[in-house]
Amino acid sequence: MVNSLQAQLLKTGLVDEKKLKQAQRAKKKAAKTAPAEDTGKAIAQARSEKAERDRQLNQQRQQEAARKEREAQVKQMVENSKLDRSGGETPYQFVSKNKIKKKNLLTEKSSNKKCKTKM
C-alpha cells in the first residue's frame, strides 16, 4: 500500500523500491520512538505534579499540627490559671418584701470540717 506521492515518485524514477522501503521503515521507527519520548515527559511531569501535591499536603498537615499545638497550649494555660473557688463566697438567694435578693455568703472551714456561714 504505497501512498500517492510515493507512487508518483516511483513512476517518475526519482526514487527506487529500496529507498521507498527504507523511508517507510524510518517512518515506522520514528512513530514507535515518539511515544516513548512522550511517556518519558509524561512521567517526569507526573512526578513533578505529585511532588507539588505532596508538598502542599505536608504544608497543610504542618499547619493543622501547629493549630492543634496552639489550642493545647491555650487549654493548658487556662487550666493552670484557674482559681480555686471552693473556699470562696457562695451566692444565697432569698425573698424579702416580695423581692428576690441575693447575698454572697463566706464559708469557712473549721477544724472539725463543718462549714459555718456568716452574713
Protein backbone atom coordinates (compact mmCIF):
# COMPACT_ATOMS: atom_id res chain seq x y z
CA MET A 1 0.00 0.00 0.00
CA VAL A 2 2.00 2.90 -1.29
CA ASN A 3 0.64 6.40 -0.89
CA SER A 4 0.10 8.51 -3.98
CA LEU A 5 3.16 10.76 -3.64
CA GLN A 6 5.47 7.78 -3.20
CA ALA A 7 3.82 6.06 -6.18
CA GLN A 8 4.27 9.13 -8.33
CA LEU A 9 7.94 9.47 -7.34
CA LEU A 10 8.46 5.79 -8.10
CA LYS A 11 6.81 6.11 -11.55
CA THR A 12 8.87 9.14 -12.48
CA GLY A 13 12.04 7.34 -11.44
CA LEU A 14 13.16 9.81 -8.80
CA VAL A 15 13.26 7.06 -6.13
CA ASP A 16 13.64 3.29 -6.34
CA GLU A 17 11.95 0.48 -4.36
CA LYS A 18 14.85 0.19 -1.92
CA LYS A 19 14.74 3.90 -0.96
CA LEU A 20 10.96 3.73 -0.66
CA LYS A 21 11.05 0.78 1.77
CA GLN A 22 13.86 2.41 3.74
CA ALA A 23 11.78 5.58 4.14
CA GLN A 24 8.77 3.54 5.27
CA ARG A 25 10.89 1.71 7.88
CA ALA A 26 12.30 5.02 9.13
CA LYS A 27 8.78 6.42 9.40
CA LYS A 28 7.56 3.41 11.42
CA LYS A 29 10.61 3.57 13.67
CA ALA A 30 10.05 7.27 14.32
CA ALA A 31 6.40 6.57 15.14
CA LYS A 32 7.46 3.97 17.71
CA THR A 33 10.10 6.14 19.41
CA ALA A 34 8.00 9.31 19.56
CA PRO A 35 5.51 7.91 22.11
CA ALA A 36 8.43 6.69 24.22
CA GLU A 37 9.75 10.23 24.46
CA ASP A 38 6.27 11.49 25.24
CA THR A 39 5.85 8.92 28.02
CA GLY A 40 9.17 9.99 29.47
CA LYS A 41 7.98 13.57 29.54
CA ALA A 42 4.62 12.49 30.95
CA ILE A 43 6.33 10.50 33.69
CA ALA A 44 8.54 13.46 34.58
CA GLN A 45 5.52 15.77 34.62
CA ALA A 46 3.53 13.33 36.76
CA ARG A 47 6.43 13.13 39.23
CA SER A 48 6.67 16.90 39.50
CA GLU A 49 2.89 17.21 39.98
CA LYS A 50 2.95 14.51 42.65
CA ALA A 51 5.83 16.26 44.41
CA GLU A 52 3.86 19.53 44.36
CA ARG A 53 0.73 17.82 45.76
CA ASP A 54 2.80 16.11 48.44
CA ARG A 55 4.42 19.42 49.38
CA GLN A 56 1.02 21.12 49.68
CA LEU A 57 -0.41 18.23 51.69
CA ASN A 58 2.59 18.27 54.01
CA GLN A 59 2.18 22.02 54.49
CA GLN A 60 -1.50 21.56 55.37
CA ARG A 61 -0.60 18.84 57.87
CA GLN A 62 2.02 21.07 59.47
CA GLN A 63 -0.47 23.95 59.73
CA GLU A 64 -3.04 21.62 61.32
CA ALA A 65 -0.45 20.31 63.79
CA ALA A 66 0.58 23.88 64.69
CA ARG A 67 -3.07 24.85 65.21
CA LYS A 68 -3.66 21.86 67.49
CA GLU A 69 -0.50 22.67 69.42
CA ARG A 70 -1.64 26.28 69.97
CA GLU A 71 -5.05 25.05 71.13
CA ALA A 72 -3.39 22.65 73.57
CA GLN A 73 -1.18 25.44 74.91
CA VAL A 74 -4.19 27.73 75.43
CA LYS A 75 -6.09 24.95 77.16
CA GLN A 76 -3.11 24.25 79.42
CA MET A 77 -2.76 27.96 80.27
CA VAL A 78 -6.45 28.16 81.19
CA GLU A 79 -6.24 25.05 83.35
CA ASN A 80 -3.11 26.30 85.12
CA SER A 81 -4.55 29.74 85.82
CA LYS A 82 -7.90 28.61 87.21
CA LEU A 83 -8.67 29.90 90.67
CA ASP A 84 -9.88 27.58 93.38
CA ARG A 85 -13.26 28.89 94.38
CA SER A 86 -14.19 26.12 96.77
CA GLY A 87 -13.40 28.22 99.83
CA GLY A 88 -14.87 31.43 98.47
CA GLU A 89 -18.27 33.05 98.63
CA THR A 90 -21.44 31.15 97.91
CA PRO A 91 -24.42 33.02 96.46
CA TYR A 92 -27.59 32.79 98.55
CA GLN A 93 -30.92 33.99 97.19
CA PHE A 94 -33.88 34.81 99.40
CA VAL A 95 -37.20 36.66 99.30
CA SER A 96 -37.59 39.89 101.22
CA LYS A 97 -40.64 42.18 100.84
CA ASN A 98 -41.77 40.43 97.67
CA LYS A 99 -38.36 40.86 96.04
CA ILE A 100 -35.71 38.26 95.38
CA LYS A 101 -32.43 39.36 96.86
CA LYS A 102 -29.01 37.83 96.55
CA LYS A 103 -26.31 37.80 99.17
CA ASN A 104 -22.89 36.23 98.94
CA LEU A 105 -22.02 34.20 101.99
CA LEU A 106 -18.49 33.46 103.02
CA THR A 107 -17.98 29.86 104.01
CA GLU A 108 -15.12 28.99 106.30
CA LYS A 109 -13.87 25.55 107.05
CA SER A 110 -13.31 24.87 110.70
CA SER A 111 -11.05 22.29 112.25
CA ASN A 112 -13.92 19.76 112.55
CA LYS A 113 -14.67 20.15 108.81
CA LYS A 114 -18.10 21.77 109.23
CA CYS A 115 -18.97 24.85 107.23
CA LYS A 116 -20.03 27.97 109.04
CA THR A 117 -21.80 30.76 107.28
CA LYS A 118 -21.57 34.44 108.05
CA MET A 119 -23.98 37.13 106.89
